[in-house]
Amino acid sequence: MSSRPDAELMALSAKGETAAFAELVERYQNILLNFFMRRGVSWDDGQDLAQQTFLRLWNYRKKYTAQAKFTTFLFLLAGQVSVDFFRAEGRRRGLEEDLAHEAEVASDASPKQGGAPADSAAGEDVRRAVARLSPALRDVVELGVFQDLPYADVGEILGIPVGTVKSRMFNALRKLKELLA
């Protein structure tokens, strides 16, 4: 992999050079996969979402202008893909719950007790705690902590002022301490 700047690779991609785009994919595929997995999606779904993000990037390649950092633009697209996924997932889950409720009522079955055994790994505990945050707080933690983006970039991606990013980060970290205590 070369060390050409992202903006240069995007400019070459806009001219139809697929090798330059492939270099961007190789450079950011694992970062995007981690981004989606920290949002609570499975590895398979994360790969699908990363692919959808790169598809959107490919479709926007001719419109991209290097006004901000490339990663800001990439995570903006990834955030949009994530929102679309969770909207669809929420609709699917709601339908499944409705069907399960109807089946339960029809069979007059009592609710089952129990669940998956608790995972004691610290990383898994943190992932679960972050997944329990509200979407607004989770987005700030994901971008600011896990993706190590500056608050200004986080604000630009989320379309909020830097002061709001800071207050959300403060509230998110406080909530995470409570959840992990």
N, C-alpha and C. Protein backbone atom coordinates (compact mmCIF):
# COMPACT_ATOMS: atom_id res chain seq x y z
N MET A 1 0.86 -1.18 0.00
CA MET A 1 0.00 0.00 0.00
C MET A 1 0.90 1.23 0.00
N SER A 2 0.54 2.16 -0.85
CA SER A 2 1.34 3.38 -0.95
C SER A 2 0.97 4.35 0.17
N SER A 3 1.72 5.40 0.25
CA SER A 3 1.45 6.40 1.28
C SER A 3 0.85 7.66 0.65
N ARG A 4 0.21 7.50 -0.51
CA ARG A 4 -0.42 8.65 -1.14
C ARG A 4 -1.54 9.16 -0.26
N PRO A 5 -1.73 10.47 -0.21
CA PRO A 5 -2.80 11.05 0.61
C PRO A 5 -4.18 10.60 0.12
N ASP A 6 -5.10 10.55 1.06
CA ASP A 6 -6.47 10.13 0.76
C ASP A 6 -7.10 11.01 -0.31
N ALA A 7 -6.89 12.31 -0.22
CA ALA A 7 -7.49 13.24 -1.19
C ALA A 7 -6.98 12.95 -2.61
N GLU A 8 -5.72 12.60 -2.72
CA GLU A 8 -5.16 12.26 -4.04
C GLU A 8 -5.79 10.98 -4.57
N LEU A 9 -5.97 10.01 -3.70
CA LEU A 9 -6.60 8.75 -4.10
C LEU A 9 -8.04 8.98 -4.54
N MET A 10 -8.75 9.86 -3.84
CA MET A 10 -10.13 10.18 -4.23
C MET A 10 -10.15 10.89 -5.59
N ALA A 11 -9.21 11.78 -5.83
CA ALA A 11 -9.15 12.48 -7.11
C ALA A 11 -8.88 11.48 -8.24
N LEU A 12 -8.00 10.54 -8.00
CA LEU A 12 -7.73 9.51 -9.01
C LEU A 12 -8.95 8.61 -9.20
N SER A 13 -9.65 8.32 -8.13
CA SER A 13 -10.88 7.51 -8.21
C SER A 13 -11.93 8.23 -9.04
N ALA A 14 -12.02 9.53 -8.88
CA ALA A 14 -12.99 10.31 -9.63
C ALA A 14 -12.71 10.24 -11.13
N LYS A 15 -11.45 10.02 -11.47
CA LYS A 15 -11.06 9.89 -12.88
C LYS A 15 -11.23 8.45 -13.38
N GLY A 16 -11.72 7.57 -12.49
CA GLY A 16 -11.98 6.19 -12.90
C GLY A 16 -10.88 5.21 -12.58
N GLU A 17 -9.88 5.63 -11.83
CA GLU A 17 -8.79 4.70 -11.49
C GLU A 17 -9.21 3.82 -10.32
N THR A 18 -9.63 2.63 -10.64
CA THR A 18 -10.15 1.72 -9.61
C THR A 18 -9.06 1.26 -8.65
N ALA A 19 -7.82 1.24 -9.09
CA ALA A 19 -6.73 0.83 -8.20
C ALA A 19 -6.58 1.82 -7.04
N ALA A 20 -6.79 3.09 -7.33
CA ALA A 20 -6.70 4.10 -6.27
C ALA A 20 -7.84 3.91 -5.27
N PHE A 21 -9.02 3.61 -5.79
CA PHE A 21 -10.15 3.37 -4.89
C PHE A 21 -9.92 2.10 -4.07
N ALA A 22 -9.38 1.07 -4.70
CA ALA A 22 -9.08 -0.17 -3.99
C ALA A 22 -8.10 0.08 -2.85
N GLU A 23 -7.19 1.01 -3.05
CA GLU A 23 -6.24 1.37 -2.00
C GLU A 23 -6.94 2.01 -0.81
N LEU A 24 -7.94 2.86 -1.09
CA LEU A 24 -8.73 3.45 0.00
C LEU A 24 -9.51 2.38 0.75
N VAL A 25 -10.07 1.44 0.01
CA VAL A 25 -10.83 0.36 0.64
C VAL A 25 -9.91 -0.44 1.56
N GLU A 26 -8.75 -0.80 1.04
CA GLU A 26 -7.80 -1.57 1.84
C GLU A 26 -7.37 -0.80 3.09
N ARG A 27 -7.17 0.50 2.94
CA ARG A 27 -6.71 1.34 4.03
C ARG A 27 -7.76 1.47 5.14
N TYR A 28 -9.06 1.52 4.77
CA TYR A 28 -10.10 1.85 5.75
C TYR A 28 -11.10 0.73 6.04
N GLN A 29 -10.98 -0.43 5.40
CA GLN A 29 -11.99 -1.45 5.61
C GLN A 29 -12.05 -1.95 7.05
N ASN A 30 -10.92 -2.19 7.67
CA ASN A 30 -10.93 -2.67 9.06
C ASN A 30 -11.38 -1.57 10.03
N ILE A 31 -11.03 -0.35 9.74
CA ILE A 31 -11.45 0.77 10.58
C ILE A 31 -12.97 0.89 10.55
N LEU A 32 -13.56 0.78 9.36
CA LEU A 32 -15.01 0.85 9.25
C LEU A 32 -15.68 -0.36 9.91
N LEU A 33 -15.10 -1.53 9.73
CA LEU A 33 -15.66 -2.72 10.36
C LEU A 33 -15.69 -2.54 11.88
N ASN A 34 -14.61 -2.04 12.44
CA ASN A 34 -14.56 -1.78 13.89
C ASN A 34 -15.58 -0.73 14.29
N PHE A 35 -15.75 0.30 13.48
CA PHE A 35 -16.72 1.36 13.72
C PHE A 35 -18.12 0.76 13.86
N PHE A 36 -18.48 -0.10 12.93
CA PHE A 36 -19.82 -0.69 12.97
C PHE A 36 -19.97 -1.71 14.09
N MET A 37 -18.94 -2.48 14.35
CA MET A 37 -19.03 -3.49 15.42
C MET A 37 -19.15 -2.83 16.79
N ARG A 38 -18.51 -1.69 16.97
CA ARG A 38 -18.64 -0.98 18.24
C ARG A 38 -20.04 -0.41 18.41
N ARG A 39 -20.77 -0.32 17.34
CA ARG A 39 -22.16 0.14 17.41
C ARG A 39 -23.10 -1.02 17.70
N GLY A 40 -22.53 -2.20 17.89
CA GLY A 40 -23.34 -3.34 18.30
C GLY A 40 -23.81 -4.25 17.19
N VAL A 41 -23.25 -4.12 16.00
CA VAL A 41 -23.66 -5.03 14.93
C VAL A 41 -22.74 -6.23 14.89
N SER A 42 -23.21 -7.30 14.28
CA SER A 42 -22.40 -8.51 14.15
C SER A 42 -21.27 -8.28 13.15
N TRP A 43 -20.32 -9.20 13.15
CA TRP A 43 -19.19 -9.11 12.23
C TRP A 43 -19.70 -9.14 10.79
N ASP A 44 -20.63 -10.04 10.49
CA ASP A 44 -21.18 -10.14 9.13
C ASP A 44 -21.90 -8.86 8.73
N ASP A 45 -22.75 -8.35 9.62
CA ASP A 45 -23.45 -7.10 9.32
C ASP A 45 -22.46 -5.95 9.18
N GLY A 46 -21.43 -5.95 10.02
CA GLY A 46 -20.40 -4.91 9.94
C GLY A 46 -19.71 -4.91 8.59
N GLN A 47 -19.42 -6.10 8.07
CA GLN A 47 -18.80 -6.18 6.75
C GLN A 47 -19.75 -5.66 5.66
N ASP A 48 -21.02 -6.02 5.79
CA ASP A 48 -22.00 -5.52 4.82
C ASP A 48 -22.10 -3.99 4.88
N LEU A 49 -22.11 -3.45 6.09
CA LEU A 49 -22.22 -2.00 6.25
C LEU A 49 -20.98 -1.28 5.75
N ALA A 50 -19.82 -1.87 5.97
CA ALA A 50 -18.59 -1.27 5.45
C ALA A 50 -18.64 -1.27 3.92
N GLN A 51 -19.12 -2.37 3.34
CA GLN A 51 -19.24 -2.44 1.89
C GLN A 51 -20.23 -1.39 1.37
N GLN A 52 -21.34 -1.22 2.07
CA GLN A 52 -22.31 -0.20 1.67
C GLN A 52 -21.70 1.20 1.75
N THR A 53 -20.88 1.42 2.78
CA THR A 53 -20.22 2.72 2.92
C THR A 53 -19.28 2.97 1.75
N PHE A 54 -18.51 1.95 1.36
CA PHE A 54 -17.61 2.12 0.23
C PHE A 54 -18.39 2.29 -1.08
N LEU A 55 -19.53 1.66 -1.18
CA LEU A 55 -20.37 1.86 -2.36
C LEU A 55 -20.84 3.31 -2.44
N ARG A 56 -21.26 3.86 -1.30
CA ARG A 56 -21.65 5.27 -1.28
C ARG A 56 -20.47 6.17 -1.61
N LEU A 57 -19.31 5.81 -1.07
CA LEU A 57 -18.10 6.59 -1.36
C LEU A 57 -17.81 6.56 -2.87
N TRP A 58 -17.93 5.39 -3.47
CA TRP A 58 -17.71 5.27 -4.91
C TRP A 58 -18.69 6.15 -5.68
N ASN A 59 -19.95 6.14 -5.25
CA ASN A 59 -20.97 6.95 -5.93
C ASN A 59 -20.72 8.45 -5.77
N TYR A 60 -20.07 8.85 -4.68
CA TYR A 60 -19.79 10.26 -4.42
C TYR A 60 -18.39 10.69 -4.87
N ARG A 61 -17.64 9.78 -5.44
CA ARG A 61 -16.23 10.06 -5.74
C ARG A 61 -16.03 11.28 -6.63
N LYS A 62 -16.97 11.53 -7.56
CA LYS A 62 -16.81 12.68 -8.47
C LYS A 62 -17.25 13.98 -7.82
N LYS A 63 -18.01 13.89 -6.73
CA LYS A 63 -18.50 15.09 -6.04
C LYS A 63 -17.60 15.48 -4.87
N TYR A 64 -16.73 14.58 -4.46
CA TYR A 64 -15.88 14.82 -3.28
C TYR A 64 -14.90 15.96 -3.54
N THR A 65 -14.86 16.88 -2.59
CA THR A 65 -13.84 17.93 -2.60
C THR A 65 -13.15 17.90 -1.26
N ALA A 66 -11.86 18.04 -1.27
CA ALA A 66 -11.05 17.90 -0.05
C ALA A 66 -11.12 19.17 0.79
N GLN A 67 -12.31 19.54 1.26
CA GLN A 67 -12.45 20.70 2.13
C GLN A 67 -12.16 20.34 3.58
N ALA A 68 -12.51 19.13 3.96
CA ALA A 68 -12.23 18.62 5.31
C ALA A 68 -11.40 17.36 5.16
N LYS A 69 -11.02 16.79 6.29
CA LYS A 69 -10.27 15.54 6.24
C LYS A 69 -11.11 14.46 5.58
N PHE A 70 -10.48 13.58 4.85
CA PHE A 70 -11.18 12.49 4.17
C PHE A 70 -11.93 11.63 5.18
N THR A 71 -11.31 11.37 6.34
CA THR A 71 -11.98 10.52 7.32
C THR A 71 -13.28 11.14 7.82
N THR A 72 -13.34 12.46 7.87
CA THR A 72 -14.58 13.12 8.26
C THR A 72 -15.67 12.77 7.27
N PHE A 73 -15.36 12.85 6.00
CA PHE A 73 -16.33 12.51 4.95
C PHE A 73 -16.70 11.03 5.01
N LEU A 74 -15.71 10.18 5.18
CA LEU A 74 -15.95 8.73 5.23
C LEU A 74 -16.85 8.36 6.40
N PHE A 75 -16.59 8.93 7.58
CA PHE A 75 -17.41 8.61 8.75
C PHE A 75 -18.79 9.25 8.66
N LEU A 76 -18.91 10.34 7.93
CA LEU A 76 -20.23 10.90 7.67
C LEU A 76 -21.06 9.90 6.86
N LEU A 77 -20.46 9.34 5.83
CA LEU A 77 -21.15 8.32 5.04
C LEU A 77 -21.45 7.08 5.89
N ALA A 78 -20.49 6.66 6.70
CA ALA A 78 -20.68 5.48 7.55
C ALA A 78 -21.81 5.72 8.56
N GLY A 79 -21.88 6.92 9.08
CA GLY A 79 -22.95 7.26 10.00
C GLY A 79 -24.31 7.17 9.34
N GLN A 80 -24.39 7.63 8.09
CA GLN A 80 -25.65 7.54 7.35
C GLN A 80 -26.03 6.08 7.10
N VAL A 81 -25.06 5.27 6.74
CA VAL A 81 -25.31 3.83 6.52
C VAL A 81 -25.78 3.19 7.82
N SER A 82 -25.16 3.58 8.94
CA SER A 82 -25.52 3.05 10.25
C SER A 82 -26.96 3.41 10.61
N VAL A 83 -27.34 4.66 10.39
CA VAL A 83 -28.70 5.10 10.69
C VAL A 83 -29.70 4.29 9.86
N ASP A 84 -29.41 4.14 8.59
CA ASP A 84 -30.30 3.35 7.71
C ASP A 84 -30.43 1.92 8.22
N PHE A 85 -29.31 1.32 8.61
CA PHE A 85 -29.33 -0.05 9.11
C PHE A 85 -30.18 -0.18 10.37
N PHE A 86 -29.95 0.71 11.34
CA PHE A 86 -30.68 0.59 12.59
C PHE A 86 -32.17 0.91 12.44
N ARG A 87 -32.50 1.78 11.51
CA ARG A 87 -33.92 2.01 11.22
C ARG A 87 -34.55 0.73 10.69
N ALA A 88 -33.90 0.11 9.72
CA ALA A 88 -34.42 -1.13 9.15
C ALA A 88 -34.43 -2.24 10.20
N GLU A 89 -33.39 -2.29 11.00
CA GLU A 89 -33.30 -3.30 12.07
C GLU A 89 -34.41 -3.10 13.09
N GLY A 90 -34.71 -1.87 13.43
CA GLY A 90 -35.78 -1.57 14.38
C GLY A 90 -37.13 -2.01 13.83
N ARG A 91 -37.35 -1.76 12.54
CA ARG A 91 -38.61 -2.20 11.93
C ARG A 91 -38.68 -3.73 11.93
N ARG A 92 -37.56 -4.38 11.60
CA ARG A 92 -37.53 -5.84 11.57
C ARG A 92 -37.77 -6.41 12.97
N ARG A 93 -37.09 -5.82 13.97
CA ARG A 93 -37.24 -6.30 15.34
C ARG A 93 -38.67 -6.11 15.84
N GLY A 94 -39.26 -4.96 15.50
CA GLY A 94 -40.64 -4.72 15.89
C GLY A 94 -41.58 -5.75 15.30
N LEU A 95 -41.35 -6.08 14.04
CA LEU A 95 -42.17 -7.10 13.38
C LEU A 95 -41.98 -8.45 14.04
N GLU A 96 -40.72 -8.80 14.35
CA GLU A 96 -40.45 -10.07 15.01
C GLU A 96 -41.13 -10.13 16.39
N GLU A 97 -41.06 -9.03 17.13
CA GLU A 97 -41.69 -9.00 18.46
C GLU A 97 -43.20 -9.14 18.34
N ASP A 98 -43.80 -8.47 17.35
CA ASP A 98 -45.23 -8.60 17.14
C ASP A 98 -45.61 -10.04 16.81
N LEU A 99 -44.83 -10.66 15.94
CA LEU A 99 -45.10 -12.05 15.57
C LEU A 99 -44.91 -12.98 16.76
N ALA A 100 -43.86 -12.75 17.54
CA ALA A 100 -43.62 -13.59 18.71
C ALA A 100 -44.75 -13.45 19.72
N HIS A 101 -45.22 -12.21 19.90
CA HIS A 101 -46.32 -11.98 20.84
C HIS A 101 -47.58 -12.69 20.36
N GLU A 102 -47.85 -12.58 19.07
CA GLU A 102 -49.03 -13.27 18.53
C GLU A 102 -48.92 -14.77 18.70
N ALA A 103 -47.72 -15.33 18.47
CA ALA A 103 -47.53 -16.77 18.63
C ALA A 103 -47.70 -17.17 20.09
N GLU A 104 -47.21 -16.32 21.00
CA GLU A 104 -47.32 -16.61 22.43
C GLU A 104 -48.78 -16.60 22.86
N VAL A 105 -49.51 -15.61 22.41
CA VAL A 105 -50.94 -15.52 22.75
C VAL A 105 -51.69 -16.70 22.16
N ALA A 106 -51.35 -17.06 20.91
CA ALA A 106 -52.05 -18.16 20.25
C ALA A 106 -51.80 -19.48 20.95
N SER A 107 -50.61 -19.70 21.42
CA SER A 107 -50.29 -20.97 22.08
C SER A 107 -50.48 -20.91 23.59
N ASP A 108 -50.81 -19.73 24.09
CA ASP A 108 -51.01 -19.52 25.53
C ASP A 108 -49.80 -19.96 26.33
N ALA A 109 -48.61 -19.76 25.74
CA ALA A 109 -47.36 -20.16 26.40
C ALA A 109 -46.93 -19.07 27.36
N SER A 110 -46.28 -19.49 28.43
CA SER A 110 -45.74 -18.52 29.38
C SER A 110 -44.38 -18.05 28.88
N PRO A 111 -43.98 -16.81 29.23
CA PRO A 111 -42.68 -16.31 28.78
C PRO A 111 -41.55 -17.16 29.33
N LYS A 112 -40.58 -17.37 28.50
CA LYS A 112 -39.42 -18.18 28.93
C LYS A 112 -38.47 -17.33 29.75
N GLN A 113 -37.85 -17.94 30.70
CA GLN A 113 -36.89 -17.26 31.57
C GLN A 113 -35.48 -17.60 31.11
N GLY A 114 -34.57 -16.78 31.53
CA GLY A 114 -33.16 -17.08 31.27
C GLY A 114 -32.63 -16.24 30.13
N GLY A 115 -31.42 -16.49 29.77
CA GLY A 115 -30.80 -15.74 28.70
C GLY A 115 -29.40 -16.23 28.48
N ALA A 116 -28.66 -15.50 27.72
CA ALA A 116 -27.28 -15.88 27.43
C ALA A 116 -26.42 -15.69 28.67
N PRO A 117 -25.47 -16.54 28.87
CA PRO A 117 -24.57 -16.37 30.02
C PRO A 117 -23.78 -15.09 29.90
N ALA A 118 -23.52 -14.48 31.04
CA ALA A 118 -22.81 -13.19 31.06
C ALA A 118 -21.38 -13.39 30.59
N ASP A 119 -20.92 -12.50 29.77
CA ASP A 119 -19.55 -12.52 29.29
C ASP A 119 -18.73 -11.63 30.20
N SER A 120 -17.66 -12.19 30.76
CA SER A 120 -16.90 -11.44 31.76
C SER A 120 -15.74 -10.66 31.16
N ALA A 121 -15.50 -10.77 29.88
CA ALA A 121 -14.38 -10.04 29.27
C ALA A 121 -14.62 -8.55 29.36
N ALA A 122 -13.61 -7.81 29.79
CA ALA A 122 -13.75 -6.36 29.98
C ALA A 122 -14.10 -5.66 28.67
N GLY A 123 -13.50 -6.05 27.58
CA GLY A 123 -13.81 -5.43 26.29
C GLY A 123 -15.26 -5.62 25.91
N GLU A 124 -15.77 -6.80 26.17
CA GLU A 124 -17.18 -7.08 25.86
C GLU A 124 -18.09 -6.25 26.76
N ASP A 125 -17.70 -6.09 28.02
CA ASP A 125 -18.50 -5.27 28.94
C ASP A 125 -18.55 -3.82 28.46
N VAL A 126 -17.43 -3.31 28.00
CA VAL A 126 -17.39 -1.93 27.50
C VAL A 126 -18.25 -1.81 26.25
N ARG A 127 -18.14 -2.79 25.33
CA ARG A 127 -18.93 -2.76 24.11
C ARG A 127 -20.43 -2.74 24.44
N ARG A 128 -20.82 -3.57 25.38
CA ARG A 128 -22.23 -3.63 25.78
C ARG A 128 -22.67 -2.31 26.42
N ALA A 129 -21.81 -1.75 27.26
CA ALA A 129 -22.16 -0.49 27.92
C ALA A 129 -22.31 0.62 26.89
N VAL A 130 -21.41 0.68 25.93
CA VAL A 130 -21.50 1.70 24.89
C VAL A 130 -22.77 1.48 24.07
N ALA A 131 -23.11 0.24 23.79
CA ALA A 131 -24.33 -0.05 23.03
C ALA A 131 -25.58 0.39 23.78
N ARG A 132 -25.51 0.48 25.10
CA ARG A 132 -26.67 0.89 25.89
C ARG A 132 -26.84 2.41 25.96
N LEU A 133 -25.83 3.14 25.51
CA LEU A 133 -25.94 4.61 25.50
C LEU A 133 -26.97 5.04 24.46
N SER A 134 -27.51 6.21 24.65
CA SER A 134 -28.42 6.76 23.64
C SER A 134 -27.62 6.95 22.34
N PRO A 135 -28.29 6.94 21.20
CA PRO A 135 -27.55 7.11 19.94
C PRO A 135 -26.69 8.38 19.90
N ALA A 136 -27.18 9.47 20.46
CA ALA A 136 -26.42 10.73 20.43
C ALA A 136 -25.12 10.59 21.22
N LEU A 137 -25.18 9.97 22.40
CA LEU A 137 -23.97 9.79 23.21
C LEU A 137 -23.05 8.73 22.59
N ARG A 138 -23.65 7.66 22.08
CA ARG A 138 -22.87 6.57 21.48
C ARG A 138 -22.08 7.09 20.28
N ASP A 139 -22.70 7.93 19.45
CA ASP A 139 -22.00 8.46 18.27
C ASP A 139 -20.78 9.28 18.67
N VAL A 140 -20.92 10.10 19.70
CA VAL A 140 -19.81 10.93 20.14
C VAL A 140 -18.67 10.06 20.68
N VAL A 141 -18.99 9.04 21.46
CA VAL A 141 -17.96 8.14 21.99
C VAL A 141 -17.29 7.38 20.86
N GLU A 142 -18.10 6.86 19.95
CA GLU A 142 -17.55 6.10 18.83
C GLU A 142 -16.54 6.92 18.03
N LEU A 143 -16.94 8.12 17.66
CA LEU A 143 -16.07 8.94 16.82
C LEU A 143 -14.91 9.57 17.60
N GLY A 144 -15.20 10.07 18.80
CA GLY A 144 -14.18 10.77 19.56
C GLY A 144 -13.18 9.86 20.25
N VAL A 145 -13.66 8.72 20.77
CA VAL A 145 -12.78 7.82 21.52
C VAL A 145 -12.24 6.70 20.63
N PHE A 146 -13.16 5.91 20.05
CA PHE A 146 -12.72 4.74 19.30
C PHE A 146 -12.07 5.10 17.98
N GLN A 147 -12.55 6.15 17.32
CA GLN A 147 -11.95 6.56 16.05
C GLN A 147 -10.92 7.66 16.23
N ASP A 148 -10.80 8.17 17.46
CA ASP A 148 -9.78 9.15 17.82
C ASP A 148 -9.83 10.41 16.94
N LEU A 149 -11.05 10.85 16.65
CA LEU A 149 -11.20 12.07 15.87
C LEU A 149 -11.27 13.28 16.79
N PRO A 150 -10.74 14.41 16.35
CA PRO A 150 -10.86 15.63 17.16
C PRO A 150 -12.33 16.05 17.28
N TYR A 151 -12.63 16.75 18.37
CA TYR A 151 -14.01 17.18 18.61
C TYR A 151 -14.58 17.99 17.45
N ALA A 152 -13.75 18.79 16.81
CA ALA A 152 -14.23 19.59 15.68
C ALA A 152 -14.71 18.69 14.55
N ASP A 153 -13.97 17.61 14.27
CA ASP A 153 -14.38 16.66 13.23
C ASP A 153 -15.65 15.92 13.64
N VAL A 154 -15.72 15.54 14.90
CA VAL A 154 -16.91 14.85 15.40
C VAL A 154 -18.13 15.75 15.22
N GLY A 155 -17.98 17.01 15.58
CA GLY A 155 -19.07 17.96 15.43
C GLY A 155 -19.49 18.12 13.98
N GLU A 156 -18.52 18.16 13.08
CA GLU A 156 -18.83 18.31 11.66
C GLU A 156 -19.57 17.07 11.14
N ILE A 157 -19.10 15.89 11.51
CA ILE A 157 -19.74 14.65 11.07
C ILE A 157 -21.18 14.57 11.57
N LEU A 158 -21.38 14.92 12.84
CA LEU A 158 -22.70 14.80 13.44
C LEU A 158 -23.57 16.03 13.21
N GLY A 159 -22.98 17.09 12.70
CA GLY A 159 -23.75 18.30 12.44
C GLY A 159 -24.14 19.05 13.71
N ILE A 160 -23.23 19.03 14.71
CA ILE A 160 -23.49 19.70 15.98
C ILE A 160 -22.28 20.57 16.34
N PRO A 161 -22.49 21.59 17.20
CA PRO A 161 -21.36 22.43 17.63
C PRO A 161 -20.36 21.66 18.50
N VAL A 162 -19.13 22.14 18.52
CA VAL A 162 -18.08 21.50 19.32
C VAL A 162 -18.47 21.47 20.80
N GLY A 163 -19.11 22.53 21.29
CA GLY A 163 -19.54 22.56 22.69
C GLY A 163 -20.52 21.43 23.00
N THR A 164 -21.38 21.12 22.06
CA THR A 164 -22.32 20.01 22.25
C THR A 164 -21.58 18.68 22.26
N VAL A 165 -20.56 18.55 21.41
CA VAL A 165 -19.74 17.34 21.41
C VAL A 165 -19.11 17.15 22.78
N LYS A 166 -18.57 18.22 23.33
CA LYS A 166 -17.91 18.14 24.64
C LYS A 166 -18.89 17.76 25.74
N SER A 167 -20.06 18.36 25.74
CA SER A 167 -21.03 18.03 26.79
C SER A 167 -21.55 16.61 26.64
N ARG A 168 -21.76 16.18 25.40
CA ARG A 168 -22.20 14.80 25.19
C ARG A 168 -21.13 13.81 25.61
N MET A 169 -19.87 14.14 25.34
CA MET A 169 -18.77 13.26 25.75
C MET A 169 -18.72 13.16 27.27
N PHE A 170 -18.85 14.29 27.95
CA PHE A 170 -18.86 14.30 29.41
C PHE A 170 -20.00 13.42 29.94
N ASN A 171 -21.20 13.60 29.39
CA ASN A 171 -22.36 12.82 29.83
C ASN A 171 -22.20 11.34 29.49
N ALA A 172 -21.63 11.05 28.33
CA ALA A 172 -21.43 9.66 27.93
C ALA A 172 -20.44 8.96 28.87
N LEU A 173 -19.35 9.62 29.19
CA LEU A 173 -18.36 9.01 30.08
C LEU A 173 -18.92 8.81 31.48
N ARG A 174 -19.72 9.77 31.95
CA ARG A 174 -20.36 9.62 33.25
C ARG A 174 -21.32 8.42 33.24
N LYS A 175 -22.10 8.30 32.18
CA LYS A 175 -23.05 7.19 32.06
C LYS A 175 -22.32 5.86 31.95
N LEU A 176 -21.22 5.83 31.22
CA LEU A 176 -20.45 4.60 31.11
C LEU A 176 -19.87 4.15 32.44
N LYS A 177 -19.43 5.11 33.26
CA LYS A 177 -18.92 4.76 34.59
C LYS A 177 -20.03 4.11 35.41
N GLU A 178 -21.25 4.66 35.31
CA GLU A 178 -22.38 4.08 36.03
C GLU A 178 -22.68 2.67 35.54
N LEU A 179 -22.69 2.49 34.24
CA LEU A 179 -23.03 1.20 33.67
C LEU A 179 -21.98 0.14 33.96
N LEU A 180 -20.73 0.56 34.07
CA LEU A 180 -19.65 -0.40 34.29
C LEU A 180 -19.37 -0.64 35.78
N ALA A 181 -19.99 0.19 36.65
CA ALA A 181 -19.73 0.04 38.09
C ALA A 181 -20.40 -1.22 38.64
